[in-house]
Amino acid sequence: MAFRLPKTKEMLRREAASWLARLQSGRDPEIEIRFMRWRDADPRHAAAFDRVRRSYDQAGLLKNSPRAASDSRAAAAPRPQWRRRPALAAAAIIVLVPVGAFLTRGSLPFAGSHVLMLMTNVGEIKRVKLADGSTVTLDTSTKLDVEIGRSRRNARLRYGRARFRIAAANGPFVIETASSTVTAQQGVIDVEQLGPQGLVRVFAGAADVRGSNRQSSRLALAAGERVTVDPDGPELERAAPAVPDWTRGMLQFDGTPLADAVALANRYSEWKIILSGDFGPLRVTGGFRAGDTTGLAKALAAAFDLSLQKASDGSLILSRSGSRAPEKKRGG
């Protein structure tokens, strides 16, 4: 006969924090159904969730979560409306270990660690204040883990892009991705990991960058420089060209190939623009709100005399006028 040890208080807290994150980050009603089954399966589950919810509510982290902000006993409460959230909406936030004291500039006086798991959905851009006075802004479809403690400041970018405004403190701020390790004392740094290759750009301050292979070379970056990084090492690009400030939720194009502009816009929306045909010579200039693929598709169709059709799955198909693109079937 199998014997299962009872769950510890720490195990219950972690389970509750995990469910809280799912409730804040997901739009699938199935998430709430599964949560209610878990909560009702054991009175200790409901008690642990209520403790975690109250703790985060006092920290001001649950103001955008209808279920998390409600009383954990309200099983019969109406199901919240799951709706599309625009750019700059809330990201999922979990605090696993609460901060023990207020911070003063240049030091990390609290005992223990302050751990965050941050995530944005498609179309979201979220700015979060960290325990050491730094801030991090998450781009669309980004996942990031952060740990701030007395002797360490670490972040792990799982995927996506984030901008770090690193405050001065006793120790360095270390950012890890699948391809690189970035170390900085203070400054403003973009770190990106959208595939096997990463990108690091320094806007202010300085940073050391090396590939995830510990034997790879280390490069020192100054403001205005960037590197592309694969696991074997970074490749420096000095005097990197200026880029639009994506943290404001706007997409800026200046002579950008149409295919590249569409690929970037598609990152911010569940409704994709599909290009049917060869658009190589066409270039896009202008500004568009992130997530507004319909507005961008209409503008491109008008500017370049293109045919615009809407597929059954909501995709927007752009093709040369006079050549009718086949409708994209759902799931095809």
Protein backbone atom coordinates (compact mmCIF):
# COMPACT_ATOMS: atom_id res chain seq x y z
CA MET A 1 0.00 0.00 0.00
CA ALA A 2 1.34 3.43 -1.00
CA PHE A 3 1.97 5.94 1.75
CA ARG A 4 1.97 9.67 1.04
CA LEU A 5 3.50 12.17 3.44
CA PRO A 6 1.27 15.09 4.42
CA LYS A 7 1.95 18.39 2.72
CA THR A 8 4.02 20.87 4.66
CA LYS A 9 2.95 24.48 5.14
CA GLU A 10 5.61 25.56 2.65
CA MET A 11 4.31 23.09 0.04
CA LEU A 12 0.78 24.42 0.50
CA ARG A 13 1.99 28.03 0.16
CA ARG A 14 3.80 27.25 -3.07
CA GLU A 15 0.77 25.47 -4.52
CA ALA A 16 -1.43 28.42 -3.59
CA ALA A 17 1.02 30.90 -5.14
CA SER A 18 1.12 28.84 -8.32
CA TRP A 19 -2.69 28.85 -8.61
CA LEU A 20 -2.74 32.58 -7.96
CA ALA A 21 -0.38 33.12 -10.91
CA ARG A 22 -2.53 31.00 -13.20
CA LEU A 23 -5.66 32.92 -12.25
CA GLN A 24 -3.96 36.23 -13.07
CA SER A 25 -2.20 35.20 -16.27
CA GLY A 26 -4.76 33.00 -18.04
CA ARG A 27 -7.92 33.87 -19.98
CA ASP A 28 -9.14 30.25 -20.18
CA PRO A 29 -12.17 29.64 -17.93
CA GLU A 30 -10.91 26.08 -17.46
CA ILE A 31 -8.19 27.51 -15.19
CA GLU A 32 -10.78 28.69 -12.68
CA ILE A 33 -12.65 25.39 -12.79
CA ARG A 34 -9.47 23.46 -12.02
CA PHE A 35 -8.55 25.94 -9.29
CA MET A 36 -11.92 25.50 -7.56
CA ARG A 37 -11.50 21.72 -7.63
CA TRP A 38 -8.08 22.05 -6.03
CA ARG A 39 -9.32 24.53 -3.42
CA ASP A 40 -12.36 22.46 -2.46
CA ALA A 41 -10.39 19.20 -2.26
CA ASP A 42 -8.85 20.09 1.13
CA PRO A 43 -9.70 22.82 3.67
CA ARG A 44 -5.98 23.50 4.00
CA HIS A 45 -5.87 24.45 0.31
CA ALA A 46 -8.49 27.16 0.80
CA ALA A 47 -6.76 28.45 3.93
CA ALA A 48 -3.35 28.58 2.22
CA PHE A 49 -4.77 30.38 -0.81
CA ASP A 50 -6.54 32.90 1.39
CA ARG A 51 -3.29 33.65 3.28
CA VAL A 52 -1.33 34.13 0.06
CA ARG A 53 -4.08 36.26 -1.47
CA ARG A 54 -4.25 38.56 1.55
CA SER A 55 -0.46 38.91 1.61
CA TYR A 56 -0.29 39.93 -2.04
CA ASP A 57 -3.36 42.13 -1.76
CA GLN A 58 -1.67 44.11 1.02
CA ALA A 59 1.36 44.49 -1.27
CA GLY A 60 -0.90 45.95 -3.99
CA LEU A 61 -0.18 43.15 -6.47
CA LEU A 62 -3.69 41.84 -7.04
CA LYS A 63 -5.62 44.88 -8.15
CA ASN A 64 -5.97 43.50 -11.69
CA SER A 65 -7.13 40.01 -10.70
CA PRO A 66 -10.92 39.66 -10.19
CA ARG A 67 -10.71 36.13 -8.75
CA ALA A 68 -7.64 36.78 -6.62
CA ALA A 69 -9.18 39.93 -5.16
CA SER A 70 -12.37 38.13 -4.15
CA ASP A 71 -12.82 36.17 -0.96
CA SER A 72 -11.49 32.64 -1.32
CA ARG A 73 -14.69 31.21 0.15
CA ALA A 74 -16.92 32.72 -2.53
CA ALA A 75 -17.33 29.51 -4.50
CA ALA A 76 -20.72 30.60 -5.80
CA ALA A 77 -19.55 33.98 -7.02
CA PRO A 78 -20.19 34.73 -10.72
CA ARG A 79 -17.35 33.72 -13.01
CA PRO A 80 -15.26 36.72 -14.07
CA GLN A 81 -15.33 37.80 -17.71
CA TRP A 82 -12.28 36.59 -19.62
CA ARG A 83 -11.49 39.31 -22.14
CA ARG A 84 -8.65 40.34 -24.38
CA ARG A 85 -6.29 42.69 -22.61
CA PRO A 86 -4.55 45.48 -24.55
CA ALA A 87 -0.89 46.43 -24.47
CA LEU A 88 0.21 47.85 -21.11
CA ALA A 89 -2.25 45.60 -19.26
CA ALA A 90 -1.29 43.66 -16.16
CA ALA A 91 1.14 40.75 -16.19
CA ALA A 92 1.04 37.74 -13.94
CA ILE A 93 2.97 38.36 -10.74
CA ILE A 94 3.82 35.96 -7.93
CA VAL A 95 5.75 36.93 -4.84
CA LEU A 96 7.08 33.70 -3.37
CA VAL A 97 8.96 35.22 -0.43
CA PRO A 98 7.65 38.60 0.79
CA VAL A 99 9.99 41.49 1.51
CA GLY A 100 10.93 41.80 5.16
CA ALA A 101 11.70 45.52 5.31
CA PHE A 102 11.73 48.72 3.30
CA LEU A 103 14.80 49.42 1.20
CA THR A 104 17.20 52.31 1.32
CA ARG A 105 19.19 53.46 -1.69
CA GLY A 106 22.44 51.57 -2.27
CA SER A 107 21.77 48.71 0.15
CA LEU A 108 19.68 45.58 0.55
CA PRO A 109 18.80 45.57 4.27
CA PHE A 110 16.04 42.96 4.36
CA ALA A 111 16.47 39.41 5.58
CA GLY A 112 15.75 36.59 3.15
CA SER A 113 14.93 37.04 -0.53
CA HIS A 114 12.30 38.76 -2.59
CA VAL A 115 11.37 36.41 -5.45
CA LEU A 116 9.12 37.28 -8.39
CA MET A 117 7.86 35.21 -11.28
CA LEU A 118 6.66 37.60 -13.99
CA MET A 119 4.88 36.86 -17.25
CA THR A 120 3.10 38.84 -19.95
CA ASN A 121 0.55 37.55 -22.42
CA VAL A 122 0.38 38.40 -26.11
CA GLY A 123 -0.04 42.17 -26.49
CA GLU A 124 0.90 43.05 -22.90
CA ILE A 125 3.71 45.34 -21.77
CA LYS A 126 4.22 45.53 -18.00
CA ARG A 127 6.53 47.58 -15.77
CA VAL A 128 7.38 46.25 -12.28
CA LYS A 129 9.30 47.88 -9.41
CA LEU A 130 11.82 45.53 -7.81
CA ALA A 131 12.82 45.34 -4.16
CA ASP A 132 16.24 46.94 -4.71
CA GLY A 133 14.81 50.06 -6.37
CA SER A 134 15.37 48.77 -9.90
CA THR A 135 12.53 48.46 -12.41
CA VAL A 136 11.95 45.93 -15.15
CA THR A 137 9.63 46.29 -18.15
CA LEU A 138 8.43 43.10 -19.82
CA ASP A 139 7.61 43.10 -23.52
CA THR A 140 4.83 41.00 -25.02
CA SER A 141 4.97 37.22 -24.47
CA THR A 142 7.80 37.38 -21.94
CA LYS A 143 8.57 35.27 -18.88
CA LEU A 144 11.07 36.37 -16.24
CA ASP A 145 12.13 35.15 -12.79
CA VAL A 146 13.76 37.64 -10.40
CA GLU A 147 15.41 37.14 -7.01
CA ILE A 148 16.58 40.09 -4.92
CA GLY A 149 18.41 39.27 -1.68
CA ARG A 150 20.92 40.72 0.73
CA SER A 151 23.88 39.31 -1.19
CA ARG A 152 22.52 38.73 -4.70
CA ARG A 153 20.44 40.28 -7.45
CA ASN A 154 19.56 37.73 -10.11
CA ALA A 155 17.12 37.48 -12.99
CA ARG A 156 16.40 34.67 -15.43
CA LEU A 157 14.79 35.64 -18.76
CA ARG A 158 13.03 32.49 -19.92
CA TYR A 159 11.87 33.98 -23.20
CA GLY A 160 10.88 37.34 -24.68
CA ARG A 161 12.39 40.76 -24.03
CA ALA A 162 12.84 42.90 -20.93
CA ARG A 163 14.31 46.30 -20.14
CA PHE A 164 16.16 46.59 -16.83
CA ARG A 165 16.69 49.94 -15.12
CA ILE A 166 19.22 48.77 -12.58
CA ALA A 167 19.61 50.79 -9.40
CA ALA A 168 22.99 51.14 -7.68
CA ALA A 169 23.48 48.64 -4.85
CA ASN A 170 26.22 46.75 -3.04
CA GLY A 171 26.32 43.85 -5.48
CA PRO A 172 26.00 43.38 -9.24
CA PHE A 173 22.76 42.58 -11.05
CA VAL A 174 23.10 39.33 -13.03
CA ILE A 175 20.70 38.50 -15.87
CA GLU A 176 20.78 35.01 -17.39
CA THR A 177 19.20 33.74 -20.60
CA ALA A 178 19.52 30.52 -22.59
CA SER A 179 22.39 32.07 -24.54
CA SER A 180 24.05 34.63 -22.29
CA THR A 181 24.94 35.99 -18.87
CA VAL A 182 24.79 39.77 -18.39
CA THR A 183 26.35 41.48 -15.37
CA ALA A 184 25.92 45.16 -14.48
CA GLN A 185 26.23 47.40 -11.42
CA GLN A 186 23.66 49.92 -12.69
CA GLY A 187 22.30 51.26 -15.94
CA VAL A 188 19.56 50.69 -18.53
CA ILE A 189 19.79 47.43 -20.49
CA ASP A 190 17.58 45.55 -22.93
CA VAL A 191 17.92 41.76 -22.87
CA GLU A 192 16.18 39.65 -25.50
CA GLN A 193 15.80 35.90 -26.04
CA LEU A 194 13.39 35.04 -28.84
CA GLY A 195 15.11 31.90 -30.08
CA PRO A 196 18.52 30.25 -29.85
CA GLN A 197 20.20 33.62 -30.32
CA GLY A 198 19.93 36.48 -27.86
CA LEU A 199 20.48 40.23 -28.00
CA VAL A 200 21.81 42.63 -25.35
CA ARG A 201 21.75 46.41 -25.76
CA VAL A 202 23.09 48.98 -23.29
CA PHE A 203 21.36 52.37 -23.20
CA ALA A 204 23.05 53.73 -20.06
CA GLY A 205 25.81 52.52 -17.78
CA ALA A 206 27.88 49.46 -18.72
CA ALA A 207 27.60 45.67 -18.73
CA ASP A 208 29.70 42.54 -19.15
CA VAL A 209 28.27 39.90 -21.49
CA ARG A 210 29.34 36.35 -22.18
CA GLY A 211 27.80 33.29 -23.78
CA SER A 212 26.19 30.60 -21.67
CA ASN A 213 29.21 28.42 -22.44
CA ARG A 214 31.46 29.25 -19.48
CA GLN A 215 34.54 29.08 -21.72
CA SER A 216 33.22 31.77 -24.07
CA SER A 217 34.84 35.20 -24.13
CA ARG A 218 33.47 38.09 -22.09
CA LEU A 219 32.75 41.44 -23.71
CA ALA A 220 32.42 44.80 -21.96
CA LEU A 221 29.60 46.95 -23.32
CA ALA A 222 29.27 50.71 -22.96
CA ALA A 223 26.20 52.86 -23.56
CA GLY A 224 25.16 52.77 -27.22
CA GLU A 225 26.57 49.30 -27.89
CA ARG A 226 24.86 45.96 -28.38
CA VAL A 227 25.79 42.31 -28.92
CA THR A 228 24.12 39.31 -30.48
CA VAL A 229 24.81 36.22 -28.40
CA ASP A 230 24.72 32.50 -29.00
CA PRO A 231 25.91 29.91 -26.47
CA ASP A 232 29.45 30.02 -27.89
CA GLY A 233 29.89 33.74 -27.28
CA PRO A 234 28.84 37.32 -28.02
CA GLU A 235 29.43 39.31 -31.20
CA LEU A 236 29.84 43.02 -30.53
CA GLU A 237 28.25 45.80 -32.57
CA ARG A 238 29.57 49.20 -31.57
CA ALA A 239 27.64 52.39 -32.26
CA ALA A 240 24.43 50.39 -32.62
CA PRO A 241 21.66 52.22 -34.50
CA ALA A 242 18.95 53.92 -32.47
CA VAL A 243 15.76 51.92 -31.92
CA PRO A 244 12.21 52.99 -31.00
CA ASP A 245 11.21 52.83 -27.34
CA TRP A 246 9.08 49.69 -27.35
CA THR A 247 8.23 50.18 -23.67
CA ARG A 248 5.69 52.86 -24.66
CA GLY A 249 3.57 50.34 -26.57
CA MET A 250 4.25 51.85 -30.00
CA LEU A 251 5.84 50.28 -33.06
CA GLN A 252 8.00 52.65 -35.09
CA PHE A 253 9.10 51.81 -38.63
CA ASP A 254 11.59 53.76 -40.73
CA GLY A 255 12.11 52.20 -44.12
CA THR A 256 11.48 48.76 -42.62
CA PRO A 257 10.85 45.89 -45.07
CA LEU A 258 7.14 45.14 -45.03
CA ALA A 259 7.69 41.51 -44.05
CA ASP A 260 9.82 42.54 -41.05
CA ALA A 261 7.25 45.14 -39.97
CA VAL A 262 4.46 42.56 -40.13
CA ALA A 263 6.51 39.97 -38.24
CA LEU A 264 7.10 42.46 -35.41
CA ALA A 265 3.44 43.55 -35.30
CA ASN A 266 2.30 39.92 -35.16
CA ARG A 267 4.18 39.42 -31.88
CA TYR A 268 1.71 41.77 -30.17
CA SER A 269 -1.57 40.26 -31.36
CA GLU A 270 -3.37 36.93 -31.49
CA TRP A 271 -4.84 37.99 -34.84
CA LYS A 272 -1.98 37.68 -37.31
CA ILE A 273 -1.31 39.42 -40.60
CA ILE A 274 -0.54 36.89 -43.34
CA LEU A 275 1.40 38.00 -46.43
CA SER A 276 0.45 36.21 -49.64
CA GLY A 277 2.97 36.94 -52.38
CA ASP A 278 6.31 38.69 -52.77
CA PHE A 279 6.55 42.05 -50.99
CA GLY A 280 10.35 42.38 -51.03
CA PRO A 281 10.62 45.91 -52.49
CA LEU A 282 8.05 47.46 -50.14
CA ARG A 283 9.21 49.46 -47.12
CA VAL A 284 7.15 50.76 -44.18
CA THR A 285 7.58 54.09 -42.40
CA GLY A 286 5.38 55.31 -39.56
CA GLY A 287 4.13 54.59 -36.08
CA PHE A 288 1.45 52.11 -35.02
CA ARG A 289 0.05 51.05 -31.69
CA ALA A 290 1.26 47.61 -30.62
CA GLY A 291 -1.57 45.08 -30.83
CA ASP A 292 -3.57 46.95 -33.49
CA THR A 293 -2.91 44.55 -36.35
CA THR A 294 -6.25 45.44 -37.95
CA GLY A 295 -5.28 49.11 -38.12
CA LEU A 296 -1.84 48.27 -39.48
CA ALA A 297 -3.24 45.88 -42.10
CA LYS A 298 -5.72 48.51 -43.31
CA ALA A 299 -2.99 51.16 -43.47
CA LEU A 300 -0.69 48.86 -45.44
CA ALA A 301 -3.48 47.92 -47.84
CA ALA A 302 -4.28 51.58 -48.49
CA ALA A 303 -0.66 52.71 -48.78
CA PHE A 304 0.49 49.97 -51.17
CA ASP A 305 -2.78 49.22 -53.01
CA LEU A 306 -3.03 45.74 -51.54
CA SER A 307 -5.99 43.43 -51.20
CA LEU A 308 -7.06 42.80 -47.59
CA GLN A 309 -9.18 39.80 -46.64
CA LYS A 310 -10.19 38.35 -43.29
CA ALA A 311 -9.86 34.58 -42.90
CA SER A 312 -12.29 32.42 -40.94
CA ASP A 313 -9.83 32.20 -38.01
CA GLY A 314 -9.50 35.99 -37.76
CA SER A 315 -6.20 36.27 -39.63
CA LEU A 316 -5.77 39.22 -41.98
CA ILE A 317 -4.46 38.29 -45.43
CA LEU A 318 -2.62 40.90 -47.50
CA SER A 319 -2.02 40.19 -51.18
CA ARG A 320 -1.26 42.10 -54.34
CA SER A 321 -4.36 43.71 -55.82
CA GLY A 322 -5.82 41.56 -58.57
CA SER A 323 -4.53 38.30 -57.06
CA ARG A 324 -7.06 36.80 -54.69
CA ALA A 325 -5.44 34.92 -51.81
CA PRO A 326 -7.09 31.63 -50.78
CA GLU A 327 -8.93 31.86 -47.50
CA LYS A 328 -6.96 30.39 -44.63
CA LYS A 329 -8.94 27.58 -43.05
CA ARG A 330 -9.30 27.36 -39.31
CA GLY A 331 -6.55 25.23 -37.86
CA GLY A 332 -4.78 25.01 -41.28
